[in-house]
N, C-alpha and C. Protein backbone atom coordinates (compact mmCIF):
# COMPACT_ATOMS: atom_id res chain seq x y z
N MET A 1 185.38 -4.61 -66.07
CA MET A 1 186.18 -3.98 -66.49
C MET A 1 186.17 -2.60 -67.09
N GLY A 2 185.23 -2.18 -67.95
CA GLY A 2 184.80 -1.11 -68.30
C GLY A 2 185.05 0.06 -67.40
N VAL A 3 184.49 -0.26 -66.12
CA VAL A 3 184.68 1.01 -64.95
C VAL A 3 186.28 1.21 -64.67
N ALA A 4 186.64 -0.19 -64.63
CA ALA A 4 188.38 0.24 -64.19
C ALA A 4 189.34 0.92 -65.31
N ALA A 5 188.83 0.98 -66.63
CA ALA A 5 189.30 1.75 -67.81
C ALA A 5 189.07 2.78 -67.47
N PHE A 6 187.44 3.37 -67.36
CA PHE A 6 187.08 4.69 -66.99
C PHE A 6 187.93 5.36 -65.58
N LEU A 7 187.93 4.46 -64.80
CA LEU A 7 188.92 5.70 -63.49
C LEU A 7 189.97 5.49 -63.72
N LEU A 8 190.70 4.49 -64.57
CA LEU A 8 192.04 4.89 -65.11
C LEU A 8 192.18 6.02 -65.96
N GLY A 9 191.47 6.17 -66.73
CA GLY A 9 191.17 7.69 -67.62
C GLY A 9 191.24 8.47 -66.47
N ASN A 10 190.32 8.88 -65.55
CA ASN A 10 190.45 9.56 -64.34
C ASN A 10 191.74 9.97 -64.01
N ILE A 11 192.57 8.97 -63.50
CA ILE A 11 193.67 9.08 -62.84
C ILE A 11 194.81 9.48 -64.34
N CYS A 12 194.70 9.76 -65.07
CA CYS A 12 195.20 10.05 -66.09
C CYS A 12 195.00 11.65 -66.37
N VAL A 13 193.30 12.06 -66.23
CA VAL A 13 193.17 13.56 -66.04
C VAL A 13 194.18 14.13 -64.53
N GLY A 14 193.97 13.24 -63.54
CA GLY A 14 194.61 13.82 -62.35
C GLY A 14 195.97 13.98 -62.36
N LEU A 15 196.73 13.12 -63.25
CA LEU A 15 198.04 13.24 -63.80
C LEU A 15 198.38 14.45 -64.15
N TYR A 16 197.54 15.23 -65.29
CA TYR A 16 197.68 15.87 -66.01
C TYR A 16 197.46 17.24 -64.96
N ARG A 17 196.68 17.27 -63.95
CA ARG A 17 196.29 18.37 -63.05
C ARG A 17 197.70 18.72 -62.17
N ILE A 18 198.24 17.51 -61.59
CA ILE A 18 199.36 17.40 -60.90
C ILE A 18 200.35 18.17 -61.76
N VAL A 19 200.73 17.87 -62.98
CA VAL A 19 201.96 18.59 -63.58
C VAL A 19 201.61 20.10 -64.22
N LEU A 20 200.67 20.27 -64.19
CA LEU A 20 200.31 21.76 -64.70
C LEU A 20 199.34 22.50 -63.63
N GLY A 21 199.20 21.91 -62.38
CA GLY A 21 198.40 22.63 -61.40
C GLY A 21 199.08 23.88 -61.20
N PRO A 22 197.98 25.01 -60.88
CA PRO A 22 198.83 26.79 -60.86
C PRO A 22 199.41 26.69 -59.30
N THR A 23 198.57 25.87 -58.43
CA THR A 23 199.36 26.15 -57.07
C THR A 23 199.66 24.83 -56.56
N HIS A 24 200.13 24.87 -55.21
CA HIS A 24 199.96 23.84 -54.05
C HIS A 24 198.99 22.92 -53.93
N LEU A 25 198.16 23.70 -53.88
CA LEU A 25 196.84 23.19 -53.40
C LEU A 25 195.73 22.23 -54.42
N ASP A 26 196.25 22.78 -55.62
CA ASP A 26 195.50 21.92 -56.92
C ASP A 26 196.35 20.89 -56.84
N ARG A 27 197.52 20.83 -56.89
CA ARG A 27 198.48 19.72 -57.05
C ARG A 27 197.94 18.53 -55.74
N MET A 28 198.09 19.06 -54.65
CA MET A 28 197.62 18.18 -53.54
C MET A 28 196.41 17.70 -53.58
N LEU A 29 194.91 18.40 -54.04
CA LEU A 29 194.07 17.48 -54.59
C LEU A 29 194.06 16.94 -55.47
N ALA A 30 195.00 17.02 -56.66
CA ALA A 30 194.94 16.13 -57.61
C ALA A 30 195.95 14.69 -57.17
N ALA A 31 196.42 15.07 -56.13
CA ALA A 31 197.15 13.82 -55.69
C ALA A 31 196.02 13.08 -54.74
N GLN A 32 195.46 13.37 -54.25
CA GLN A 32 194.27 12.95 -53.43
C GLN A 32 193.10 12.36 -54.31
N LEU A 33 192.92 12.62 -55.23
CA LEU A 33 192.08 12.12 -56.42
C LEU A 33 192.36 10.86 -56.92
N LEU A 34 194.33 11.11 -56.99
CA LEU A 34 194.85 9.78 -57.58
C LEU A 34 194.46 8.86 -56.42
N GLY A 35 194.70 9.15 -54.87
CA GLY A 35 194.78 8.16 -54.11
C GLY A 35 193.54 7.22 -54.37
N THR A 36 192.49 8.20 -54.05
CA THR A 36 191.08 7.55 -54.06
C THR A 36 190.69 6.81 -55.34
N THR A 37 191.25 7.28 -56.55
CA THR A 37 190.99 6.32 -57.94
C THR A 37 191.49 5.58 -57.80
N GLY A 38 192.77 5.32 -57.32
CA GLY A 38 193.78 4.16 -57.15
C GLY A 38 192.72 3.09 -56.10
N ILE A 39 192.57 3.45 -54.94
CA ILE A 39 191.62 2.85 -54.31
C ILE A 39 190.62 1.88 -54.84
N ALA A 40 189.79 2.92 -55.77
CA ALA A 40 188.83 2.43 -56.14
C ALA A 40 188.84 1.15 -57.47
N VAL A 41 189.99 1.53 -58.08
CA VAL A 41 190.40 0.73 -59.22
C VAL A 41 190.79 -0.69 -58.36
N ALA A 42 191.57 -0.57 -57.41
CA ALA A 42 192.29 -2.07 -56.82
C ALA A 42 190.91 -2.50 -56.20
N LEU A 43 190.12 -1.95 -55.87
CA LEU A 43 188.43 -2.55 -55.04
C LEU A 43 187.93 -2.93 -56.38
N VAL A 44 188.00 -2.79 -57.61
CA VAL A 44 186.89 -2.90 -58.75
C VAL A 44 187.71 -4.04 -59.27
N LEU A 45 188.75 -4.07 -59.75
CA LEU A 45 189.41 -5.51 -60.20
C LEU A 45 189.53 -6.35 -59.20
N ALA A 46 189.63 -6.33 -57.73
CA ALA A 46 189.86 -7.27 -56.92
C ALA A 46 188.28 -7.85 -56.82
N GLU A 47 187.29 -7.21 -57.13
CA GLU A 47 185.68 -7.90 -57.36
C GLU A 47 185.86 -8.68 -58.59
N ALA A 48 186.47 -8.34 -59.72
CA ALA A 48 186.28 -8.35 -60.75
C ALA A 48 186.95 -9.86 -61.25
N THR A 49 188.17 -10.08 -60.54
CA THR A 49 188.81 -11.13 -60.77
C THR A 49 189.22 -12.36 -59.56
N GLY A 50 188.12 -11.74 -58.75
CA GLY A 50 187.93 -12.84 -56.80
C GLY A 50 189.23 -12.57 -56.63
N GLU A 51 190.20 -11.58 -56.73
CA GLU A 51 191.29 -11.94 -55.91
C GLU A 51 191.12 -11.50 -54.58
N GLY A 52 191.52 -11.66 -53.19
CA GLY A 52 191.47 -10.58 -52.10
C GLY A 52 192.73 -10.05 -51.98
N GLY A 53 193.86 -10.08 -52.72
CA GLY A 53 194.69 -9.34 -52.32
C GLY A 53 194.51 -7.52 -52.84
N GLY A 54 194.10 -7.62 -53.59
CA GLY A 54 193.31 -6.19 -54.34
C GLY A 54 192.86 -5.47 -53.24
N ARG A 55 192.04 -6.27 -52.01
CA ARG A 55 191.64 -5.42 -51.09
C ARG A 55 192.77 -4.92 -50.06
N ASP A 56 193.74 -5.75 -50.03
CA ASP A 56 194.99 -5.04 -49.21
C ASP A 56 195.56 -4.07 -49.79
N VAL A 57 195.53 -4.14 -51.19
CA VAL A 57 196.43 -2.96 -51.85
C VAL A 57 195.47 -1.65 -51.64
N ALA A 58 193.94 -1.85 -51.85
CA ALA A 58 193.32 -0.67 -51.89
C ALA A 58 193.35 -0.27 -50.22
N LEU A 59 193.46 -1.26 -49.01
CA LEU A 59 193.75 -0.28 -47.79
C LEU A 59 194.85 0.09 -47.47
N THR A 60 196.07 -0.41 -48.07
CA THR A 60 197.32 0.47 -48.04
C THR A 60 197.34 1.86 -48.68
N LEU A 61 196.73 1.94 -49.74
CA LEU A 61 196.67 3.25 -50.57
C LEU A 61 195.76 3.90 -49.75
N ALA A 62 194.71 3.72 -49.17
CA ALA A 62 193.93 4.30 -48.17
C ALA A 62 194.70 5.10 -47.10
N VAL A 63 195.48 4.25 -46.64
CA VAL A 63 196.38 4.66 -45.73
C VAL A 63 197.42 5.83 -45.81
N LEU A 64 197.98 5.53 -46.82
CA LEU A 64 199.28 6.26 -47.69
C LEU A 64 198.51 7.81 -48.03
N ALA A 65 197.31 7.59 -48.50
CA ALA A 65 196.60 8.81 -49.07
C ALA A 65 196.49 9.92 -47.84
N ALA A 66 196.08 9.09 -46.83
CA ALA A 66 195.55 9.86 -45.62
C ALA A 66 196.79 10.60 -45.06
N LEU A 67 198.20 9.69 -44.64
CA LEU A 67 199.10 10.21 -44.66
C LEU A 67 199.90 11.32 -45.36
N ALA A 68 199.67 11.36 -46.95
CA ALA A 68 199.87 12.37 -47.64
C ALA A 68 199.48 13.59 -47.46
N ALA A 69 198.22 13.49 -47.04
CA ALA A 69 196.94 14.58 -46.79
C ALA A 69 197.78 15.43 -45.51
N VAL A 70 197.78 14.74 -44.28
CA VAL A 70 198.44 15.13 -42.91
C VAL A 70 200.01 15.89 -43.07
N PHE A 71 200.74 14.86 -43.97
CA PHE A 71 201.90 15.86 -44.16
C PHE A 71 201.89 16.89 -45.03
N PHE A 72 200.99 17.10 -46.20
CA PHE A 72 200.94 17.98 -47.03
C PHE A 72 200.39 19.47 -45.84
N VAL A 73 199.34 19.18 -45.29
CA VAL A 73 199.21 20.25 -44.45
C VAL A 73 199.99 20.79 -43.07
N ARG A 74 200.81 19.64 -42.80
CA ARG A 74 201.61 20.29 -41.81
C ARG A 74 202.80 20.79 -42.50
N ARG A 75 202.98 20.69 -43.75
CA ARG A 75 204.17 21.12 -44.28
C ARG A 75 204.04 22.84 -44.81
N PHE A 76 202.47 22.78 -45.14
CA PHE A 76 202.26 24.50 -45.43
C PHE A 76 201.66 25.18 -44.37
N ARG A 77 201.18 24.66 -43.46
CA ARG A 77 200.87 25.34 -42.31
C ARG A 77 202.07 25.86 -41.46
N TYR A 78 203.00 25.23 -41.32
CA TYR A 78 204.24 25.53 -40.65
C TYR A 78 205.34 25.24 -41.57
N PRO A 79 205.76 26.69 -42.34
CA PRO A 79 206.95 26.20 -43.35
C PRO A 79 208.01 25.90 -42.60
N GLY A 80 208.77 25.07 -43.24
CA GLY A 80 209.92 24.62 -42.90
C GLY A 80 209.60 23.11 -42.13
N GLY A 81 208.31 22.53 -41.74
CA GLY A 81 208.18 21.70 -41.11
C GLY A 81 208.11 22.02 -39.66
N GLU A 82 208.48 22.91 -39.16
CA GLU A 82 208.71 22.50 -37.60
C GLU A 82 207.36 23.16 -37.07
N ASP A 83 207.49 22.52 -35.76
CA ASP A 83 205.83 22.38 -34.90
C ASP A 83 205.88 23.91 -34.25
N ARG A 84 204.94 24.37 -34.25
CA ARG A 84 205.04 25.89 -33.47
C ARG A 84 204.12 25.68 -32.37
N THR A 85 203.85 24.76 -31.55
CA THR A 85 203.06 24.43 -30.50
C THR A 85 203.53 24.75 -29.07
């Protein structure tokens, strides 16, 4: 449980960076940190409590974090979201 508490503190630091990040890139990297740390928290708590549902939550968070990164790159690579291929 101590590891989970440390990871939750890490999430708080990431939230601080999202709010005060000077650039969009800083905010996106902090959001990726939150996604990765959220996955770690779900896995640690699933192992600590013996619940299998935490693994499902971690898998869902992993997919959402990957999709968020793809959408961010598309948004800032092609302003307005249109595809220029």
